[in-house]
Amino acid sequence: MSMERFWNEQADWSRATFGSDDERGPEGPLKHLAKEVLCELLGMSRPAVSGLLGTVRCDLSGTERGPLEEYVDLQFLIFDACRRAGFSYEQLLTGCFAKLAI
């Protein structure tokens, strides 16, 4: 297992499931991430969060630091939250592949 392998397999699954990167863009995954965070932190229901986010338009141009750095920040936060919740990198990666298999 490696993060690169997961990256490639998840990309194949995502494109097959949701359409090409050019068709879909990053807004959907960003809204999904926001939904998961709001549900977890605020205890909001998925339908309530979906309604709230349905009106949100994302500015995906990034900041003066650049859009890649913003996505890197999100990855850092996900890894940090998993570790602080008591999960190891191996558990996270194993969980990623297990979820992908579903």
N, C-alpha and C. Protein backbone atom coordinates (compact mmCIF):
# COMPACT_ATOMS: atom_id res chain seq x y z
N MET A 1 0.83 -1.19 0.00
CA MET A 1 0.00 0.00 0.00
C MET A 1 0.88 1.25 0.00
N SER A 2 0.46 2.23 -0.74
CA SER A 2 1.14 3.52 -0.71
C SER A 2 0.12 4.60 -0.98
N MET A 3 0.43 5.83 -0.60
CA MET A 3 -0.47 6.94 -0.86
C MET A 3 -0.60 7.16 -2.37
N GLU A 4 0.49 6.94 -3.11
CA GLU A 4 0.42 7.10 -4.56
C GLU A 4 -0.53 6.07 -5.19
N ARG A 5 -0.46 4.83 -4.72
CA ARG A 5 -1.37 3.81 -5.24
C ARG A 5 -2.81 4.19 -4.93
N PHE A 6 -3.05 4.62 -3.70
CA PHE A 6 -4.40 5.03 -3.34
C PHE A 6 -4.85 6.20 -4.21
N TRP A 7 -3.98 7.18 -4.40
CA TRP A 7 -4.29 8.34 -5.25
C TRP A 7 -4.79 7.88 -6.62
N ASN A 8 -4.05 6.96 -7.26
CA ASN A 8 -4.39 6.49 -8.60
C ASN A 8 -5.68 5.67 -8.62
N GLU A 9 -5.83 4.77 -7.67
CA GLU A 9 -7.03 3.94 -7.64
C GLU A 9 -8.27 4.76 -7.30
N GLN A 10 -8.13 5.72 -6.39
CA GLN A 10 -9.26 6.57 -6.04
C GLN A 10 -9.64 7.46 -7.22
N ALA A 11 -8.65 7.94 -7.96
CA ALA A 11 -8.92 8.77 -9.15
C ALA A 11 -9.69 7.97 -10.19
N ASP A 12 -9.29 6.72 -10.43
CA ASP A 12 -10.00 5.87 -11.38
C ASP A 12 -11.45 5.67 -10.95
N TRP A 13 -11.65 5.36 -9.67
CA TRP A 13 -13.00 5.15 -9.15
C TRP A 13 -13.83 6.42 -9.27
N SER A 14 -13.27 7.55 -8.87
CA SER A 14 -14.00 8.82 -8.90
C SER A 14 -14.43 9.20 -10.31
N ARG A 15 -13.51 9.05 -11.26
CA ARG A 15 -13.84 9.38 -12.65
C ARG A 15 -14.92 8.45 -13.19
N ALA A 16 -14.84 7.16 -12.86
CA ALA A 16 -15.84 6.21 -13.33
C ALA A 16 -17.20 6.47 -12.68
N THR A 17 -17.19 6.93 -11.44
CA THR A 17 -18.42 7.14 -10.69
C THR A 17 -19.07 8.49 -10.97
N PHE A 18 -18.25 9.56 -11.02
CA PHE A 18 -18.79 10.91 -11.09
C PHE A 18 -18.53 11.64 -12.41
N GLY A 19 -17.66 11.11 -13.25
CA GLY A 19 -17.33 11.77 -14.50
C GLY A 19 -15.90 12.28 -14.48
N SER A 20 -15.46 12.78 -15.62
CA SER A 20 -14.06 13.21 -15.75
C SER A 20 -13.78 14.43 -14.89
N ASP A 21 -12.51 14.66 -14.63
CA ASP A 21 -12.09 15.82 -13.84
C ASP A 21 -12.55 17.11 -14.50
N ASP A 22 -12.46 17.18 -15.83
CA ASP A 22 -12.88 18.39 -16.55
C ASP A 22 -14.38 18.63 -16.45
N GLU A 23 -15.16 17.54 -16.43
CA GLU A 23 -16.62 17.67 -16.32
C GLU A 23 -17.04 18.14 -14.94
N ARG A 24 -16.40 17.64 -13.91
CA ARG A 24 -16.88 17.83 -12.54
C ARG A 24 -16.16 18.94 -11.77
N GLY A 25 -14.87 19.04 -11.90
CA GLY A 25 -14.14 20.05 -11.13
C GLY A 25 -14.09 19.74 -9.64
N PRO A 26 -13.50 20.63 -8.86
CA PRO A 26 -13.29 20.36 -7.43
C PRO A 26 -14.43 20.80 -6.51
N GLU A 27 -15.42 21.52 -7.01
CA GLU A 27 -16.45 22.07 -6.12
C GLU A 27 -17.22 20.98 -5.37
N GLY A 28 -17.61 19.91 -6.06
CA GLY A 28 -18.36 18.84 -5.41
C GLY A 28 -17.62 18.21 -4.24
N PRO A 29 -16.35 17.78 -4.45
CA PRO A 29 -15.63 17.21 -3.31
C PRO A 29 -15.42 18.20 -2.16
N LEU A 30 -15.23 19.47 -2.48
CA LEU A 30 -15.06 20.47 -1.41
C LEU A 30 -16.35 20.62 -0.61
N LYS A 31 -17.48 20.65 -1.29
CA LYS A 31 -18.76 20.74 -0.58
C LYS A 31 -19.00 19.47 0.25
N HIS A 32 -18.61 18.32 -0.29
CA HIS A 32 -18.78 17.07 0.46
C HIS A 32 -17.91 17.10 1.72
N LEU A 33 -16.68 17.59 1.60
CA LEU A 33 -15.81 17.71 2.76
C LEU A 33 -16.43 18.64 3.80
N ALA A 34 -16.97 19.78 3.35
CA ALA A 34 -17.62 20.72 4.26
C ALA A 34 -18.81 20.06 4.96
N LYS A 35 -19.58 19.25 4.21
CA LYS A 35 -20.74 18.57 4.78
C LYS A 35 -20.30 17.62 5.89
N GLU A 36 -19.26 16.84 5.61
CA GLU A 36 -18.78 15.89 6.62
C GLU A 36 -18.31 16.63 7.88
N VAL A 37 -17.61 17.75 7.69
CA VAL A 37 -17.10 18.52 8.83
C VAL A 37 -18.25 19.11 9.64
N LEU A 38 -19.23 19.72 8.96
CA LEU A 38 -20.35 20.32 9.67
C LEU A 38 -21.18 19.28 10.41
N CYS A 39 -21.39 18.14 9.80
CA CYS A 39 -22.12 17.06 10.48
C CYS A 39 -21.38 16.61 11.73
N GLU A 40 -20.08 16.46 11.60
CA GLU A 40 -19.27 15.97 12.73
C GLU A 40 -19.17 17.00 13.85
N LEU A 41 -18.85 18.24 13.50
CA LEU A 41 -18.61 19.26 14.52
C LEU A 41 -19.88 19.83 15.13
N LEU A 42 -20.89 20.04 14.31
CA LEU A 42 -22.09 20.73 14.77
C LEU A 42 -23.27 19.80 15.02
N GLY A 43 -23.10 18.53 14.68
CA GLY A 43 -24.18 17.58 14.86
C GLY A 43 -25.38 17.87 13.97
N MET A 44 -25.12 18.55 12.86
CA MET A 44 -26.21 18.86 11.92
C MET A 44 -26.52 17.62 11.10
N SER A 45 -27.78 17.49 10.69
CA SER A 45 -28.16 16.37 9.84
C SER A 45 -27.61 16.57 8.43
N ARG A 46 -27.43 15.49 7.71
CA ARG A 46 -26.96 15.59 6.33
C ARG A 46 -27.91 16.42 5.46
N PRO A 47 -29.24 16.22 5.56
CA PRO A 47 -30.13 17.05 4.74
C PRO A 47 -30.02 18.55 5.07
N ALA A 48 -29.85 18.89 6.36
CA ALA A 48 -29.73 20.31 6.73
C ALA A 48 -28.45 20.91 6.15
N VAL A 49 -27.37 20.17 6.24
CA VAL A 49 -26.10 20.65 5.70
C VAL A 49 -26.17 20.74 4.19
N SER A 50 -26.78 19.75 3.55
CA SER A 50 -26.91 19.78 2.08
C SER A 50 -27.68 21.00 1.63
N GLY A 51 -28.75 21.34 2.34
CA GLY A 51 -29.51 22.53 2.00
C GLY A 51 -28.70 23.79 2.15
N LEU A 52 -27.93 23.87 3.21
CA LEU A 52 -27.08 25.03 3.45
C LEU A 52 -26.02 25.16 2.36
N LEU A 53 -25.36 24.07 2.03
CA LEU A 53 -24.27 24.12 1.06
C LEU A 53 -24.77 24.24 -0.37
N GLY A 54 -26.04 23.91 -0.61
CA GLY A 54 -26.58 24.03 -1.95
C GLY A 54 -26.55 25.45 -2.48
N THR A 55 -26.50 26.41 -1.58
CA THR A 55 -26.50 27.81 -1.99
C THR A 55 -25.09 28.39 -2.07
N VAL A 56 -24.09 27.62 -1.68
CA VAL A 56 -22.71 28.11 -1.63
C VAL A 56 -22.04 27.97 -2.98
N ARG A 57 -21.40 29.02 -3.44
CA ARG A 57 -20.56 28.97 -4.64
C ARG A 57 -19.11 29.08 -4.17
N CYS A 58 -18.29 28.21 -4.67
CA CYS A 58 -16.88 28.19 -4.25
C CYS A 58 -16.04 29.07 -5.17
N ASP A 59 -15.15 29.84 -4.57
CA ASP A 59 -14.13 30.55 -5.34
C ASP A 59 -12.92 29.64 -5.35
N LEU A 60 -12.72 28.94 -6.46
CA LEU A 60 -11.69 27.91 -6.52
C LEU A 60 -10.38 28.43 -7.08
N SER A 61 -10.25 29.74 -7.16
CA SER A 61 -9.01 30.29 -7.70
C SER A 61 -7.89 30.30 -6.67
N GLY A 62 -8.22 30.02 -5.42
CA GLY A 62 -7.20 30.02 -4.37
C GLY A 62 -6.91 31.42 -3.88
N THR A 63 -5.89 31.54 -3.10
CA THR A 63 -5.48 32.83 -2.56
C THR A 63 -4.17 33.24 -3.20
N GLU A 64 -3.60 34.29 -2.65
CA GLU A 64 -2.30 34.71 -3.18
C GLU A 64 -1.24 33.63 -2.99
N ARG A 65 -1.47 32.70 -2.06
CA ARG A 65 -0.53 31.59 -1.88
C ARG A 65 -0.68 30.56 -2.99
N GLY A 66 -1.84 30.50 -3.60
CA GLY A 66 -2.07 29.55 -4.68
C GLY A 66 -3.00 28.44 -4.27
N PRO A 67 -3.76 27.92 -5.22
CA PRO A 67 -4.75 26.89 -4.90
C PRO A 67 -4.15 25.58 -4.40
N LEU A 68 -2.98 25.18 -4.91
CA LEU A 68 -2.40 23.91 -4.43
C LEU A 68 -2.13 23.98 -2.94
N GLU A 69 -1.62 25.10 -2.47
CA GLU A 69 -1.32 25.22 -1.05
C GLU A 69 -2.59 25.10 -0.20
N GLU A 70 -3.71 25.58 -0.71
CA GLU A 70 -4.98 25.44 0.02
C GLU A 70 -5.38 23.97 0.12
N TYR A 71 -5.21 23.21 -0.96
CA TYR A 71 -5.53 21.78 -0.92
C TYR A 71 -4.56 21.03 -0.01
N VAL A 72 -3.31 21.42 0.00
CA VAL A 72 -2.33 20.82 0.91
C VAL A 72 -2.76 21.06 2.36
N ASP A 73 -3.24 22.27 2.65
CA ASP A 73 -3.73 22.57 4.00
C ASP A 73 -4.84 21.60 4.40
N LEU A 74 -5.76 21.31 3.47
CA LEU A 74 -6.85 20.38 3.77
C LEU A 74 -6.30 18.99 4.09
N GLN A 75 -5.31 18.55 3.31
CA GLN A 75 -4.72 17.22 3.57
C GLN A 75 -4.04 17.20 4.93
N PHE A 76 -3.32 18.26 5.25
CA PHE A 76 -2.68 18.33 6.57
C PHE A 76 -3.72 18.20 7.67
N LEU A 77 -4.83 18.92 7.53
CA LEU A 77 -5.86 18.91 8.55
C LEU A 77 -6.50 17.53 8.70
N ILE A 78 -6.72 16.86 7.59
CA ILE A 78 -7.30 15.52 7.65
C ILE A 78 -6.34 14.56 8.36
N PHE A 79 -5.07 14.60 7.98
CA PHE A 79 -4.09 13.73 8.63
C PHE A 79 -3.97 14.05 10.12
N ASP A 80 -3.93 15.33 10.46
CA ASP A 80 -3.79 15.74 11.86
C ASP A 80 -5.00 15.29 12.67
N ALA A 81 -6.20 15.47 12.12
CA ALA A 81 -7.41 15.06 12.84
C ALA A 81 -7.43 13.56 13.07
N CYS A 82 -7.05 12.77 12.06
CA CYS A 82 -7.00 11.31 12.22
C CYS A 82 -6.02 10.90 13.31
N ARG A 83 -4.82 11.48 13.26
CA ARG A 83 -3.81 11.14 14.25
C ARG A 83 -4.27 11.51 15.66
N ARG A 84 -4.85 12.70 15.81
CA ARG A 84 -5.30 13.15 17.12
C ARG A 84 -6.51 12.35 17.63
N ALA A 85 -7.22 11.71 16.71
CA ALA A 85 -8.33 10.85 17.11
C ALA A 85 -7.85 9.45 17.51
N GLY A 86 -6.54 9.24 17.39
CA GLY A 86 -5.96 7.98 17.83
C GLY A 86 -5.68 6.98 16.73
N PHE A 87 -5.82 7.39 15.46
CA PHE A 87 -5.57 6.48 14.35
C PHE A 87 -4.15 6.64 13.84
N SER A 88 -3.58 5.54 13.39
CA SER A 88 -2.23 5.57 12.81
C SER A 88 -2.34 5.81 11.31
N TYR A 89 -1.20 6.15 10.69
CA TYR A 89 -1.16 6.31 9.24
C TYR A 89 -1.58 5.01 8.56
N GLU A 90 -1.11 3.89 9.09
CA GLU A 90 -1.44 2.60 8.51
C GLU A 90 -2.94 2.35 8.59
N GLN A 91 -3.57 2.71 9.71
CA GLN A 91 -5.02 2.54 9.83
C GLN A 91 -5.76 3.43 8.83
N LEU A 92 -5.28 4.66 8.66
CA LEU A 92 -5.91 5.56 7.70
C LEU A 92 -5.79 5.01 6.29
N LEU A 93 -4.61 4.58 5.91
CA LEU A 93 -4.40 4.07 4.56
C LEU A 93 -5.20 2.78 4.34
N THR A 94 -5.20 1.89 5.33
CA THR A 94 -5.98 0.67 5.23
C THR A 94 -7.47 1.00 5.11
N GLY A 95 -7.93 1.99 5.89
CA GLY A 95 -9.32 2.42 5.81
C GLY A 95 -9.66 3.01 4.45
N CYS A 96 -8.71 3.76 3.87
CA CYS A 96 -8.93 4.34 2.55
C CYS A 96 -9.13 3.24 1.51
N PHE A 97 -8.28 2.23 1.52
CA PHE A 97 -8.41 1.13 0.56
C PHE A 97 -9.67 0.31 0.82
N ALA A 98 -10.03 0.13 2.10
CA ALA A 98 -11.25 -0.62 2.43
C ALA A 98 -12.47 0.14 1.91
N LYS A 99 -12.49 1.45 2.08
CA LYS A 99 -13.62 2.26 1.59
C LYS A 99 -13.67 2.24 0.08
N LEU A 100 -12.51 2.29 -0.56
CA LEU A 100 -12.45 2.26 -2.02
C LEU A 100 -13.00 0.93 -2.56
N ALA A 101 -12.76 -0.15 -1.84
CA ALA A 101 -13.24 -1.47 -2.26
C ALA A 101 -14.76 -1.56 -2.24
N ILE A 102 -15.40 -0.75 -1.40
CA ILE A 102 -16.86 -0.74 -1.33
C ILE A 102 -17.41 -0.05 -2.54
